[in-house]
């Protein structure tokens, strides 16, 4: 199930598929299974996804930042 404002994204990492349905899911993947742990796109995605917990950032803004980090890291993903 996707959080309001977030369109489910399927991410392929290490021969496994992950369904990302919220900023919280994205943050978990960024922390545990991301190919890069530095760079502007990665840091912005981490900060933006974390910002949804306080309401400082919308799920849509977090998803945009997450997708930018995926493009930057060349992570295969698609909108479900």
Protein backbone atom coordinates (compact mmCIF):
# COMPACT_ATOMS: atom_id res chain seq x y z
CA UNK A 1 0.00 0.00 0.00
CA UNK A 2 1.32 3.44 -0.90
CA UNK A 3 1.26 6.45 1.38
CA UNK A 4 -0.95 9.32 0.17
CA UNK A 5 1.09 11.37 -2.32
CA UNK A 6 3.48 8.51 -3.10
CA UNK A 7 3.16 6.33 -6.20
CA UNK A 8 4.55 2.84 -5.61
CA UNK A 9 7.99 2.29 -7.09
CA UNK A 10 9.58 -1.09 -7.76
CA UNK A 11 13.33 -1.04 -7.24
CA UNK A 12 15.72 -3.78 -8.33
CA UNK A 13 18.77 -4.17 -6.09
CA UNK A 14 21.09 -7.15 -5.83
CA UNK A 15 18.79 -9.44 -7.83
CA UNK A 16 15.84 -8.67 -5.55
CA UNK A 17 12.80 -6.46 -6.04
CA UNK A 18 11.67 -3.95 -3.40
CA UNK A 19 8.29 -2.24 -3.46
CA UNK A 20 8.69 1.28 -2.15
CA UNK A 21 5.33 2.69 -1.11
CA UNK A 22 6.34 5.54 1.19
CA UNK A 23 9.16 7.81 2.22
CA UNK A 24 9.73 5.48 5.18
CA UNK A 25 10.25 2.53 2.80
CA UNK A 26 12.59 4.64 0.67
CA UNK A 27 14.59 5.73 3.71
CA UNK A 28 14.98 2.11 4.79
CA UNK A 29 16.31 1.13 1.36
CA UNK A 30 18.65 4.13 1.27
CA UNK A 31 20.05 3.13 4.67
CA UNK A 32 20.39 -0.60 4.09
CA UNK A 33 20.79 -1.40 0.41
CA UNK A 34 22.00 1.56 -1.63
CA UNK A 35 25.06 1.46 -3.91
CA UNK A 36 26.36 4.90 -2.90
CA UNK A 37 26.41 6.58 0.49
CA UNK A 38 27.47 10.06 -0.50
CA UNK A 39 26.70 12.74 -3.03
CA UNK A 40 24.15 15.50 -3.26
CA UNK A 41 21.27 13.38 -4.59
CA UNK A 42 21.74 10.69 -1.91
CA UNK A 43 21.96 13.19 0.95
CA UNK A 44 18.97 15.16 -0.32
CA UNK A 45 16.90 11.96 -0.62
CA UNK A 46 17.83 10.93 2.93
CA UNK A 47 16.97 14.35 4.35
CA UNK A 48 13.77 14.69 2.34
CA UNK A 49 12.46 11.22 3.17
CA UNK A 50 13.24 11.77 6.86
CA UNK A 51 11.47 15.14 6.70
CA UNK A 52 8.13 13.48 6.02
CA UNK A 53 8.08 12.16 9.60
CA UNK A 54 7.78 15.71 10.95
CA UNK A 55 5.55 16.97 8.15
CA UNK A 56 8.23 19.35 6.90
CA UNK A 57 8.21 17.58 3.53
CA UNK A 58 5.41 15.95 1.53
CA UNK A 59 5.50 12.36 0.34
CA UNK A 60 5.53 13.66 -3.24
CA UNK A 61 8.61 15.79 -2.59
CA UNK A 62 10.29 12.82 -0.94
CA UNK A 63 9.47 10.59 -3.90
CA UNK A 64 10.97 13.11 -6.33
CA UNK A 65 14.17 13.24 -4.28
CA UNK A 66 14.28 9.44 -4.04
CA UNK A 67 13.88 9.03 -7.80
CA UNK A 68 16.62 11.61 -8.41
CA UNK A 69 18.92 9.63 -6.10
CA UNK A 70 18.04 6.44 -7.98
CA UNK A 71 18.90 8.06 -11.33
CA UNK A 72 22.15 9.40 -9.88
CA UNK A 73 23.13 5.97 -8.52
CA UNK A 74 21.93 4.18 -11.68
CA UNK A 75 19.49 2.09 -9.63
CA UNK A 76 16.90 0.34 -11.78
CA UNK A 77 13.37 1.31 -10.77
CA UNK A 78 9.95 1.71 -12.30
CA UNK A 79 6.63 3.14 -11.28
CA UNK A 80 4.19 0.35 -10.36
